[in-house]
Protein backbone atom coordinates (compact mmCIF):
# COMPACT_ATOMS: atom_id res chain seq x y z
CA MET A 1 -2.00 -34.30 -21.25
CA VAL A 2 -3.63 -33.83 -24.67
CA TRP A 3 -6.72 -35.87 -25.47
CA ILE A 4 -7.60 -36.33 -29.14
CA VAL A 5 -11.09 -37.50 -30.09
CA ASP A 6 -11.27 -38.34 -33.80
CA ASP A 7 -12.71 -41.28 -35.71
CA ASP A 8 -9.91 -41.27 -38.33
CA PRO A 9 -7.35 -43.85 -37.13
CA GLU A 10 -4.62 -42.54 -39.44
CA LEU A 11 -5.02 -38.99 -38.17
CA ARG A 12 -5.06 -40.17 -34.54
CA SER A 13 -1.84 -42.09 -35.12
CA LEU A 14 -0.20 -39.16 -36.92
CA LEU A 15 -1.10 -36.67 -34.20
CA ASP A 16 -0.15 -39.08 -31.43
CA THR A 17 3.32 -39.51 -32.92
CA PHE A 18 3.87 -35.84 -33.78
CA LEU A 19 2.62 -34.37 -30.50
CA SER A 20 4.52 -36.97 -28.48
CA GLU A 21 7.69 -35.93 -30.30
CA GLN A 22 6.91 -32.33 -29.29
CA GLY A 23 6.89 -33.37 -25.64
CA PHE A 24 3.14 -33.76 -25.07
CA ASP A 25 1.58 -36.67 -23.21
CA VAL A 26 -1.13 -37.86 -25.63
CA ARG A 27 -4.19 -40.06 -25.35
CA THR A 28 -6.47 -40.79 -28.30
CA PHE A 29 -10.12 -41.86 -28.54
CA PRO A 30 -12.13 -42.96 -31.60
CA ASP A 31 -15.42 -41.55 -30.25
CA THR A 32 -16.86 -39.45 -27.45
CA ARG A 33 -18.06 -42.26 -25.19
CA ASP A 34 -14.80 -43.41 -23.64
CA ALA A 35 -13.43 -39.87 -23.38
CA GLU A 36 -16.56 -38.62 -21.63
CA ARG A 37 -16.58 -41.60 -19.28
CA ARG A 38 -13.00 -40.84 -18.20
CA LEU A 39 -13.43 -37.08 -17.73
CA PRO A 40 -14.76 -37.25 -14.14
CA ARG A 41 -11.71 -39.28 -13.09
CA GLU A 42 -8.94 -37.93 -15.32
CA ARG A 43 -8.20 -34.35 -16.28
CA PRO A 44 -6.61 -33.52 -19.65
CA ASP A 45 -4.85 -30.21 -20.08
CA ILE A 46 -6.65 -29.78 -23.39
CA LEU A 47 -9.20 -31.68 -25.49
CA VAL A 48 -8.90 -31.78 -29.29
CA LEU A 49 -12.36 -32.74 -30.50
CA ASP A 50 -13.44 -33.56 -34.05
CA ARG A 51 -16.60 -31.79 -35.17
CA MET A 52 -17.99 -34.65 -37.28
CA LEU A 53 -17.74 -38.00 -35.53
CA LYS A 54 -19.51 -41.23 -36.41
CA GLY A 55 -22.46 -41.71 -34.13
CA GLU A 56 -22.32 -38.29 -32.44
CA ASP A 57 -21.50 -34.74 -33.33
CA GLY A 58 -18.47 -33.51 -31.40
CA LEU A 59 -20.42 -30.34 -30.63
CA ASP A 60 -22.77 -32.38 -28.45
CA LEU A 61 -19.92 -33.42 -26.16
CA CYS A 62 -18.60 -29.84 -26.09
CA ARG A 63 -22.02 -28.57 -25.02
CA ARG A 64 -22.39 -31.22 -22.31
CA ILE A 65 -18.95 -30.39 -20.91
CA ARG A 66 -19.77 -26.68 -20.72
CA ALA A 67 -23.23 -27.41 -19.27
CA GLN A 68 -21.43 -29.09 -16.36
CA ASN A 69 -19.40 -25.89 -15.80
CA ASP A 70 -16.24 -27.73 -16.84
CA ASP A 71 -13.74 -25.25 -18.29
CA VAL A 72 -11.33 -27.80 -19.79
CA PRO A 73 -9.82 -26.15 -22.89
CA ILE A 74 -11.32 -27.47 -26.14
CA ILE A 75 -10.05 -27.11 -29.70
CA MET A 76 -12.62 -28.13 -32.29
CA LEU A 77 -11.54 -29.72 -35.57
CA THR A 78 -13.85 -29.25 -38.54
CA ALA A 79 -13.79 -30.40 -42.15
CA LYS A 80 -16.40 -27.80 -43.04
CA SER A 81 -15.12 -24.58 -44.57
CA ASP A 82 -18.26 -22.56 -43.85
CA PRO A 83 -17.45 -19.84 -41.26
CA VAL A 84 -20.91 -20.41 -39.77
CA ASP A 85 -19.79 -23.89 -38.70
CA ARG A 86 -16.84 -22.41 -36.86
CA ILE A 87 -19.07 -19.82 -35.22
CA VAL A 88 -21.33 -22.63 -33.97
CA GLY A 89 -18.27 -24.25 -32.41
CA ILE A 90 -17.44 -21.07 -30.51
CA GLU A 91 -21.06 -20.66 -29.45
CA SER A 92 -20.92 -24.20 -28.05
CA GLY A 93 -17.96 -23.27 -25.85
CA ALA A 94 -14.89 -24.23 -27.88
CA ASP A 95 -11.74 -22.21 -27.14
CA ASP A 96 -10.45 -22.42 -30.69
CA TYR A 97 -11.13 -24.16 -34.00
CA LEU A 98 -9.01 -25.58 -36.77
CA GLY A 99 -10.17 -26.51 -40.24
CA LYS A 100 -9.22 -29.77 -41.92
CA PRO A 101 -6.92 -30.50 -43.60
CA PHE A 102 -4.17 -29.01 -41.45
CA VAL A 103 -0.51 -29.65 -40.76
CA PRO A 104 0.29 -31.04 -37.29
CA ARG A 105 2.56 -28.10 -36.53
CA GLU A 106 -0.41 -25.74 -36.82
CA LEU A 107 -2.36 -27.80 -34.29
CA THR A 108 0.67 -27.69 -31.98
CA ALA A 109 0.73 -23.89 -32.25
CA ARG A 110 -2.99 -23.69 -31.46
CA ILE A 111 -2.60 -25.98 -28.45
CA GLN A 112 0.29 -23.93 -27.11
CA ALA A 113 -1.64 -20.67 -27.62
CA VAL A 114 -4.71 -21.93 -25.75
CA LEU A 115 -2.58 -23.31 -22.92
CA ARG A 116 -0.72 -20.01 -22.61
CA ARG A 117 -4.00 -18.17 -22.25
CA ARG A 118 -5.17 -20.63 -19.60
CA ALA A 119 -1.92 -20.96 -17.65
CA PRO A 120 -1.72 -19.22 -14.25
CA LEU A 121 1.00 -16.69 -13.71
CA PRO A 122 4.20 -18.46 -12.63
CA ALA A 123 5.59 -17.91 -9.15
CA GLY A 124 7.67 -14.75 -9.03
CA ALA A 125 6.21 -13.33 -12.23
CA PRO A 126 5.34 -9.63 -12.23
CA GLN A 127 1.75 -9.19 -11.10
CA PRO A 128 -0.75 -7.06 -13.03
CA ASP A 129 -1.63 -3.64 -11.66
CA GLN A 130 -4.86 -5.08 -10.30
CA ASP A 131 -5.58 -8.54 -8.95
CA SER A 132 -9.25 -8.22 -9.90
CA ALA A 133 -11.88 -5.88 -11.26
CA ASN A 134 -15.38 -5.45 -9.85
CA PHE A 135 -18.41 -4.23 -11.76
CA GLY A 136 -22.02 -4.66 -10.74
CA PRO A 137 -22.48 -8.14 -9.26
CA CYS A 138 -19.36 -9.42 -11.05
CA ARG A 139 -15.70 -9.83 -10.16
CA LEU A 140 -13.07 -10.68 -12.75
CA ASP A 141 -10.04 -12.28 -11.10
CA PHE A 142 -6.97 -11.83 -13.28
CA ALA A 143 -4.66 -14.07 -11.24
CA SER A 144 -6.95 -17.12 -11.22
CA ARG A 145 -8.44 -16.24 -14.62
CA SER A 146 -11.98 -16.59 -13.36
CA LEU A 147 -15.26 -14.65 -13.43
CA TRP A 148 -17.65 -14.54 -10.49
CA ARG A 149 -21.22 -13.25 -10.37
CA ASN A 150 -22.99 -12.99 -7.01
CA ASN A 151 -20.26 -15.23 -5.54
CA GLU A 152 -20.93 -17.94 -8.14
CA LYS A 153 -18.04 -18.93 -10.39
CA LEU A 154 -18.94 -18.80 -14.07
CA THR A 155 -17.36 -20.92 -16.78
CA LEU A 156 -15.37 -19.03 -19.42
CA THR A 157 -13.39 -20.33 -22.35
CA SER A 158 -9.87 -18.97 -22.64
CA GLY A 159 -10.97 -16.81 -25.58
CA GLU A 160 -13.85 -15.33 -23.59
CA PHE A 161 -11.59 -14.59 -20.63
CA ALA A 162 -9.00 -12.94 -22.88
CA LEU A 163 -11.67 -10.82 -24.59
CA LEU A 164 -13.26 -9.72 -21.31
CA THR A 165 -9.84 -8.91 -19.84
CA ALA A 166 -8.95 -6.79 -22.87
CA LEU A 167 -12.14 -4.78 -22.45
CA VAL A 168 -11.94 -4.43 -18.66
CA ARG A 169 -8.33 -3.23 -18.84
CA HIS A 170 -9.42 -0.45 -21.22
CA PRO A 171 -12.51 1.02 -19.52
CA HIS A 172 -14.49 3.70 -21.37
CA ARG A 173 -12.24 3.19 -24.41
CA PRO A 174 -14.02 2.00 -27.59
CA LEU A 175 -12.06 -0.81 -29.23
CA THR A 176 -12.46 -2.09 -32.76
CA ARG A 177 -12.94 -5.80 -33.39
CA GLU A 178 -9.51 -5.87 -35.03
CA ARG A 179 -7.92 -4.31 -31.95
CA LEU A 180 -9.75 -6.73 -29.67
CA VAL A 181 -8.43 -9.67 -31.67
CA GLU A 182 -4.90 -8.30 -31.23
CA LEU A 183 -5.34 -7.73 -27.49
CA ALA A 184 -7.03 -11.07 -26.82
CA ARG A 185 -5.16 -13.36 -29.19
CA GLY A 186 -2.01 -11.49 -30.17
CA PRO A 187 -0.88 -9.80 -33.40
CA GLY A 188 -1.25 -11.93 -36.51
CA SER A 189 -3.86 -14.19 -34.95
CA ALA A 190 -5.90 -16.32 -37.34
CA THR A 191 -9.04 -15.53 -35.34
CA PHE A 192 -11.67 -13.90 -37.54
CA GLU A 193 -13.43 -10.81 -36.23
CA ARG A 194 -16.91 -12.39 -36.35
CA SER A 195 -15.86 -14.65 -33.47
CA ILE A 196 -15.56 -11.53 -31.29
CA ASP A 197 -19.28 -10.90 -31.80
CA VAL A 198 -20.10 -14.48 -30.84
CA GLN A 199 -17.98 -14.37 -27.69
CA MET A 200 -19.42 -10.98 -26.77
CA SER A 201 -22.93 -12.42 -27.00
CA ARG A 202 -21.96 -15.25 -24.64
CA LEU A 203 -20.31 -12.84 -22.18
CA ARG A 204 -23.37 -10.62 -22.10
CA LYS A 205 -25.58 -13.57 -21.23
CA LEU A 206 -23.31 -14.28 -18.25
CA ILE A 207 -22.80 -10.71 -17.06
CA GLU A 208 -25.70 -8.51 -18.03
CA ASP A 209 -29.10 -8.40 -16.34
CA ASN A 210 -30.58 -7.72 -19.77
CA PRO A 211 -28.24 -8.90 -22.56
CA ALA A 212 -30.39 -7.09 -25.13
CA LYS A 213 -29.68 -3.80 -23.34
CA PRO A 214 -26.16 -4.26 -21.95
CA GLN A 215 -24.91 -1.95 -19.23
CA TYR A 216 -21.26 -3.00 -19.09
CA LEU A 217 -20.39 -4.52 -22.47
CA GLN A 218 -21.78 -1.97 -24.89
CA THR A 219 -21.71 -1.83 -28.66
CA VAL A 220 -20.20 1.15 -30.43
CA TRP A 221 -22.15 0.98 -33.67
CA GLY A 222 -20.02 0.89 -36.77
CA TYR A 223 -16.86 0.58 -34.68
CA GLY A 224 -16.64 -2.15 -32.03
CA TYR A 225 -17.23 -2.47 -28.29
CA VAL A 226 -16.57 -0.60 -25.06
CA PHE A 227 -16.50 -1.63 -21.40
CA VAL A 228 -18.46 0.78 -19.21
CA PRO A 229 -17.73 0.18 -15.50
CA ASP A 230 -19.76 1.53 -12.59
CA THR A 231 -17.33 4.41 -12.05
CA PRO A 232 -17.50 7.37 -14.47
CA PRO A 233 -14.49 8.20 -16.64
CA PRO A 234 -12.02 10.72 -15.22
CA GLY A 235 -12.75 14.30 -16.12
CA PRO A 236 -10.37 16.55 -18.03
CA ALA A 237 -7.35 17.83 -16.16
CA GLN A 238 -7.85 21.25 -14.60
């Protein structure tokens, strides 16, 4: 189920028709009120939320959803071309963003990409080498795609989970922002590298005792980031 919240009736109709033809079950809303009222009772697979709505900024709904520890995937639509506006969307908890105008096929590709990152491993699929990774008070569960700290489940967007997984699977190995984009989003992703910094800041606030002096998610100045687990790196072969 794809929910679309946009105050442009022509765009809602266009996306409803196009996405339905692509096999999606679609529901559209002209504002945030009805969509937010239905969320406790109905669960969309993904929410496509316009940034600039009449009466309320779509970011406000995104923030309220994340404040309730709801990890429903959210794609933010924005007519603003300023990269800062897109960064604000990520900081508010959006999984992805798409600038207007866009072609419906691009939105379809973004929806499919976010859903792939959120989907659990199918039955019978090869399992990763580890089911989970533990560091400090945290446990990253790869199978359920969840992060726990002191036995409390934390809310991650799909992008944050993919970024953290990329780092955790390469311990003690400095990774450039470009490489992290490839590992988290795939080669040729439209994600800009600045979004990695924003997601890293959010992850540090969840994981680190002191985000200003991170222990696990460290910066490699002039290069990128590195995950430093509790165990030391293996020594050279004798």
